[in-house]
C-alpha atoms as a PDB file:
ATOM      1  CA  UNK A   1      -0.131   7.054  63.401  1.00  0.00           C
ATOM      2  CA  UNK A   2       3.423   6.862  62.184  1.00  0.00           C
ATOM      3  CA  UNK A   3       5.032   9.765  60.517  1.00  0.00           C
ATOM      4  CA  UNK A   4       7.412   9.119  57.653  1.00  0.00           C
ATOM      5  CA  UNK A   5      10.737  10.754  58.187  1.00  0.00           C
ATOM      6  CA  UNK A   6      12.546  11.980  55.102  1.00  0.00           C
ATOM      7  CA  UNK A   7      16.189  11.181  55.037  1.00  0.00           C
ATOM      8  CA  UNK A   8      18.695  12.457  52.478  1.00  0.00           C
ATOM      9  CA  UNK A   9      18.625   9.001  50.876  1.00  0.00           C
ATOM     10  CA  UNK A  10      14.844   9.004  50.246  1.00  0.00           C
ATOM     11  CA  UNK A  11      14.847  12.638  49.134  1.00  0.00           C
ATOM     12  CA  UNK A  12      17.526  11.959  46.472  1.00  0.00           C
ATOM     13  CA  UNK A  13      15.626   8.945  45.142  1.00  0.00           C
ATOM     14  CA  UNK A  14      12.501  11.035  44.733  1.00  0.00           C
ATOM     15  CA  UNK A  15      14.418  13.722  42.846  1.00  0.00           C
ATOM     16  CA  UNK A  16      16.028  11.062  40.608  1.00  0.00           C
ATOM     17  CA  UNK A  17      12.624   9.734  39.627  1.00  0.00           C
ATOM     18  CA  UNK A  18      11.413  13.222  38.773  1.00  0.00           C
ATOM     19  CA  UNK A  19      14.575  14.058  36.813  1.00  0.00           C
ATOM     20  CA  UNK A  20      14.224  11.278  34.209  1.00  0.00           C
ATOM     21  CA  UNK A  21      14.373  12.669  30.685  1.00  0.00           C
ATOM     22  CA  UNK A  22      11.212  12.347  28.604  1.00  0.00           C
ATOM     23  CA  UNK A  23      11.010   9.384  26.260  1.00  0.00           C
ATOM     24  CA  UNK A  24      12.223  10.062  22.752  1.00  0.00           C
ATOM     25  CA  UNK A  25       9.417  10.187  20.209  1.00  0.00           C
ATOM     26  CA  UNK A  26       9.539   7.676  17.394  1.00  0.00           C
ATOM     27  CA  UNK A  27      10.166   9.170  13.975  1.00  0.00           C
ATOM     28  CA  UNK A  28       7.097   9.029  11.734  1.00  0.00           C
ATOM     29  CA  UNK A  29       6.622   5.887   9.672  1.00  0.00           C
ATOM     30  CA  UNK A  30       7.786   6.050   6.065  1.00  0.00           C
ATOM     31  CA  UNK A  31       4.194   5.765   4.923  1.00  0.00           C
ATOM     32  CA  UNK A  32       3.240   8.874   6.930  1.00  0.00           C
ATOM     33  CA  UNK A  33       5.592  11.077   4.925  1.00  0.00           C
ATOM     34  CA  UNK A  34       4.132  13.349   2.249  1.00  0.00           C
ATOM     35  CA  UNK A  35       2.974  11.306  -0.755  1.00  0.00           C
ATOM     36  CA  UNK A  36       5.498  12.530  -3.328  1.00  0.00           C
ATOM     37  CA  UNK A  37       8.411  12.265  -0.876  1.00  0.00           C
ATOM     38  CA  UNK A  38       7.454   8.697   0.038  1.00  0.00           C
ATOM     39  CA  UNK A  39       7.114   7.692  -3.604  1.00  0.00           C
ATOM     40  CA  UNK A  40      10.329   9.310  -4.854  1.00  0.00           C
ATOM     41  CA  UNK A  41      12.606   8.499  -1.923  1.00  0.00           C
ATOM     42  CA  UNK A  42      11.278   5.140  -0.795  1.00  0.00           C
ATOM     43  CA  UNK A  43       8.850   3.340  -3.115  1.00  0.00           C
ATOM     44  CA  UNK A  44      10.581   3.812  -6.485  1.00  0.00           C
ATOM     45  CA  UNK A  45      14.093   2.898  -5.258  1.00  0.00           C
ATOM     46  CA  UNK A  46      12.768  -0.126  -3.327  1.00  0.00           C
ATOM     47  CA  UNK A  47      10.721  -1.342  -6.309  1.00  0.00           C
ATOM     48  CA  UNK A  48      13.675  -0.886  -8.654  1.00  0.00           C
ATOM     49  CA  UNK A  49      15.932  -2.899  -6.344  1.00  0.00           C
ATOM     50  CA  UNK A  50      13.297  -5.643  -6.043  1.00  0.00           C
ATOM     51  CA  UNK A  51      12.919  -5.846  -9.834  1.00  0.00           C
ATOM     52  CA  UNK A  52      16.684  -6.041 -10.295  1.00  0.00           C
ATOM     53  CA  UNK A  53      16.834  -8.855  -7.702  1.00  0.00           C
ATOM     54  CA  UNK A  54      14.371 -10.713  -9.935  1.00  0.00           C
ATOM     55  CA  UNK A  55      17.018 -10.638 -12.666  1.00  0.00           C
ATOM     56  CA  UNK A  56      15.677  -7.729 -14.715  1.00  0.00           C
ATOM     57  CA  UNK A  57      18.257  -5.429 -16.253  1.00  0.00           C
ATOM     58  CA  UNK A  58      17.961  -1.784 -17.315  1.00  0.00           C
ATOM     59  CA  UNK A  59      14.953  -1.138 -15.083  1.00  0.00           C
ATOM     60  CA  UNK A  60      13.696   2.416 -15.530  1.00  0.00           C
ATOM     61  CA  UNK A  61      11.099   3.914 -13.188  1.00  0.00           C
ATOM     62  CA  UNK A  62       9.661   7.388 -13.522  1.00  0.00           C
ATOM     63  CA  UNK A  63       7.270   9.155 -11.181  1.00  0.00           C
ATOM     64  CA  UNK A  64       5.173  11.929 -12.647  1.00  0.00           C
ATOM     65  CA  UNK A  65       1.729  13.466 -12.786  1.00  0.00           C
ATOM     66  CA  UNK A  66      -0.002  12.896 -16.126  1.00  0.00           C
ATOM     67  CA  UNK A  67      -3.240  11.851 -17.807  1.00  0.00           C
ATOM     68  CA  UNK A  68      -4.070   8.154 -17.924  1.00  0.00           C
ATOM     69  CA  UNK A  69      -3.193   7.086 -21.499  1.00  0.00           C
ATOM     70  CA  UNK A  70      -6.120   4.709 -21.968  1.00  0.00           C
ATOM     71  CA  UNK A  71      -9.063   5.273 -24.293  1.00  0.00           C
ATOM     72  CA  UNK A  72     -12.028   6.507 -22.279  1.00  0.00           C
ATOM     73  CA  UNK A  73      -9.925   8.229 -19.617  1.00  0.00           C
ATOM     74  CA  UNK A  74      -8.895  11.281 -21.655  1.00  0.00           C
ATOM     75  CA  UNK A  75     -11.260  13.590 -19.756  1.00  0.00           C
ATOM     76  CA  UNK A  76     -10.120  12.399 -16.310  1.00  0.00           C
ATOM     77  CA  UNK A  77      -7.808  14.723 -14.382  1.00  0.00           C
ATOM     78  CA  UNK A  78      -4.091  14.009 -14.195  1.00  0.00           C
ATOM     79  CA  UNK A  79      -2.923  11.639 -11.487  1.00  0.00           C
ATOM     80  CA  UNK A  80       0.423  10.555 -10.070  1.00  0.00           C
ATOM     81  CA  UNK A  81       1.909   7.550 -11.833  1.00  0.00           C
ATOM     82  CA  UNK A  82       4.873   5.242 -11.473  1.00  0.00           C
ATOM     83  CA  UNK A  83       5.882   4.390 -15.023  1.00  0.00           C
ATOM     84  CA  UNK A  84       8.063   1.341 -15.395  1.00  0.00           C
ATOM     85  CA  UNK A  85      10.062   0.420 -18.455  1.00  0.00           C
ATOM     86  CA  UNK A  86      11.485  -3.085 -18.562  1.00  0.00           C
ATOM     87  CA  UNK A  87      13.082  -3.033 -22.024  1.00  0.00           C
ATOM     88  CA  UNK A  88      10.184  -3.787 -24.413  1.00  0.00           C
ATOM     89  CA  UNK A  89       7.588  -4.032 -21.615  1.00  0.00           C
ATOM     90  CA  UNK A  90       5.982  -1.070 -19.886  1.00  0.00           C
ATOM     91  CA  UNK A  91       3.691  -0.812 -16.884  1.00  0.00           C
ATOM     92  CA  UNK A  92       2.070   1.956 -14.888  1.00  0.00           C
ATOM     93  CA  UNK A  93       0.784   2.194 -11.337  1.00  0.00           C
ATOM     94  CA  UNK A  94      -1.765   4.999 -11.009  1.00  0.00           C
ATOM     95  CA  UNK A  95      -2.460   6.756  -7.726  1.00  0.00           C
ATOM     96  CA  UNK A  96      -5.856   8.327  -8.368  1.00  0.00           C
ATOM     97  CA  UNK A  97      -6.153   9.996  -4.943  1.00  0.00           C
ATOM     98  CA  UNK A  98      -2.541  11.170  -4.430  1.00  0.00           C
ATOM     99  CA  UNK A  99      -2.442   8.924  -1.382  1.00  0.00           C
ATOM    100  CA  UNK A 100      -0.914   5.472  -0.945  1.00  0.00           C
ATOM    101  CA  UNK A 101      -4.072   4.339   0.848  1.00  0.00           C
ATOM    102  CA  UNK A 102      -6.381   5.756  -1.823  1.00  0.00           C
ATOM    103  CA  UNK A 103      -7.561   4.252  -5.104  1.00  0.00           C
ATOM    104  CA  UNK A 104      -4.837   2.692  -7.220  1.00  0.00           C
ATOM    105  CA  UNK A 105      -4.838   1.162 -10.690  1.00  0.00           C
ATOM    106  CA  UNK A 106      -2.480  -0.746 -12.999  1.00  0.00           C
ATOM    107  CA  UNK A 107      -1.926  -1.034 -16.734  1.00  0.00           C
ATOM    108  CA  UNK A 108       0.713  -2.699 -18.861  1.00  0.00           C
ATOM    109  CA  UNK A 109       1.741  -2.962 -22.480  1.00  0.00           C
ATOM    110  CA  UNK A 110       4.472  -4.292 -24.740  1.00  0.00           C
ATOM    111  CA  UNK A 111       6.608  -2.452 -27.287  1.00  0.00           C
ATOM    112  CA  UNK A 112       5.340   1.000 -26.341  1.00  0.00           C
ATOM    113  CA  UNK A 113       1.777   0.378 -27.519  1.00  0.00           C
ATOM    114  CA  UNK A 114      -1.022   2.293 -25.834  1.00  0.00           C
ATOM    115  CA  UNK A 115      -2.417   0.225 -22.933  1.00  0.00           C
ATOM    116  CA  UNK A 116      -5.977  -0.940 -23.489  1.00  0.00           C
ATOM    117  CA  UNK A 117      -7.087  -1.948 -19.993  1.00  0.00           C
ATOM    118  CA  UNK A 118      -7.053  -0.238 -16.616  1.00  0.00           C
ATOM    119  CA  UNK A 119      -7.136  -2.703 -13.727  1.00  0.00           C
ATOM    120  CA  UNK A 120      -7.695  -2.045 -10.040  1.00  0.00           C
ATOM    121  CA  UNK A 121      -4.621  -2.467  -7.859  1.00  0.00           C
ATOM    122  CA  UNK A 122      -4.481  -3.346  -4.132  1.00  0.00           C
ATOM    123  CA  UNK A 123      -8.248  -2.890  -3.704  1.00  0.00           C
ATOM    124  CA  UNK A 124      -8.583  -5.133  -0.640  1.00  0.00           C
ATOM    125  CA  UNK A 125      -5.840  -3.505   1.397  1.00  0.00           C
ATOM    126  CA  UNK A 126      -6.948  -0.877   3.915  1.00  0.00           C
ATOM    127  CA  UNK A 127      -3.506   0.330   4.930  1.00  0.00           C
ATOM    128  CA  UNK A 128      -0.661   0.251   2.443  1.00  0.00           C
ATOM    129  CA  UNK A 129       2.939  -0.108   3.525  1.00  0.00           C
ATOM    130  CA  UNK A 130       6.126   0.120   1.500  1.00  0.00           C
ATOM    131  CA  UNK A 131       6.728  -3.632   1.652  1.00  0.00           C
ATOM    132  CA  UNK A 132       3.132  -4.453   0.776  1.00  0.00           C
ATOM    133  CA  UNK A 133       3.094  -2.078  -2.213  1.00  0.00           C
ATOM    134  CA  UNK A 134       6.316  -3.566  -3.587  1.00  0.00           C
ATOM    135  CA  UNK A 135       5.023  -7.106  -3.023  1.00  0.00           C
ATOM    136  CA  UNK A 136       1.779  -6.369  -4.889  1.00  0.00           C
ATOM    137  CA  UNK A 137       3.668  -4.762  -7.784  1.00  0.00           C
ATOM    138  CA  UNK A 138       5.919  -7.816  -8.077  1.00  0.00           C
ATOM    139  CA  UNK A 139       2.933 -10.177  -7.860  1.00  0.00           C
ATOM    140  CA  UNK A 140       1.119  -8.250 -10.587  1.00  0.00           C
ATOM    141  CA  UNK A 141       4.150  -8.236 -12.905  1.00  0.00           C
ATOM    142  CA  UNK A 142       4.691 -11.928 -12.199  1.00  0.00           C
ATOM    143  CA  UNK A 143       1.052 -12.470 -13.214  1.00  0.00           C
ATOM    144  CA  UNK A 144       2.052 -11.095 -16.633  1.00  0.00           C
ATOM    145  CA  UNK A 145       4.909 -13.645 -16.589  1.00  0.00           C
ATOM    146  CA  UNK A 146       7.363 -10.764 -16.804  1.00  0.00           C
ATOM    147  CA  UNK A 147       9.425 -11.919 -13.821  1.00  0.00           C
ATOM    148  CA  UNK A 148       9.459 -15.711 -13.982  1.00  0.00           C
ATOM    149  CA  UNK A 149       8.176 -18.101 -16.573  1.00  0.00           C
ATOM    150  CA  UNK A 150       5.538 -20.445 -15.167  1.00  0.00           C
END
């Protein structure tokens, strides 16, 4: 049986291995932030920038908790909404569960009229991300032909 002899060189190497600092933890993902913080600090500014890149001017986005202004939904509780005003065209993204991964809906109107239809929004997506939410909003507005004429 051979006995391992510790020399100053092997002892220092062992201490160096033990003395490594712990790995830095990753900051939480944007989407893991509290709902209102994520929406106000990340989603709205990113959506506004994306709409302006599409050539829209005077883009106004508001984020507030309110009733859904569609006939038949008057008795529903208030929910968080992103209200977009693109000159004479208005749209709303509704967050029914106060969670970006929860139920979402969309409505739109022209000239400030009361919207008549509430449509589901991002229903097939299990996990929402900032980029995905902005992409879906742009796709939906493009479906209205508000971004590019087909």
